[in-house]
């Protein structure tokens, strides 16, 4: 069931989103070759706590770290550890924050040092897919149109969209209804999901260079592309407003 948020609730989510945005800005400034992913994790935690937030992922369904840091063929849920980033890697960072019982969630992918042209293009296409999906948000639009926008654009660029993981509603819980797939759904399947003011969703295109298929590593968390080709991930938490949308996690 979709939980519609009041203006007061959305303002609290905006405060959570501002903390997420600040943490993401810090992550972008920090990411470089030789940085260990656990160093990034600790700095993100320090930043979030200093600004009055709580780490949303720590302990969620048993997740052992504060943030997710996924490298190259890792799509999501990479667990920070002593591994060091290398020049040419592409790094996906996913940060969730809880502030006064409300959540915000965002992710981005960027390169470390010099990255290949194919990696740059994958990142650009994934970011553009998110931007295009957000621009489609207006009250009264069916959610399946947002999903179709992502898949149609990504596949037109020669890439694939992941099916096993999707975006989601967000509010007093990290994951709420509705699910926000990155692939086309028949109107019949989501005929009742219409965007209305007060709906808050996290849209998060997950784009693979090769096949859409993914699998989970033995640590039971880290999701990688089955063919071990590159992947990228962008996400924002967005409130539907009377006139369009409001990106709660923008910097």
Foldseek 3Di string as FASTA:
>chain_A
DFDFADPVQVVQQLLQLQLLLVLVVVLVVPDAFFDFQVVSQVVSQVSQVVSQKHQQPPCDVYLPTRKWKAKFQWQTQHHTDRDTDHAQIKIKIKTWIAHPLFIWIKMAIDGHHDHDPVVVVQRVQQVVLVVVLQQPFAFFAFLLVSLCSQQVSQVVVVWGWAFPDFKAWTGSHRHDDDTRHNHHDDCVVRVPHTAHARTKIKGKTKIFNDDNDWDDDPVRGTIGHPVSGGIIMTIFIWGHHNGGIDTSNHD
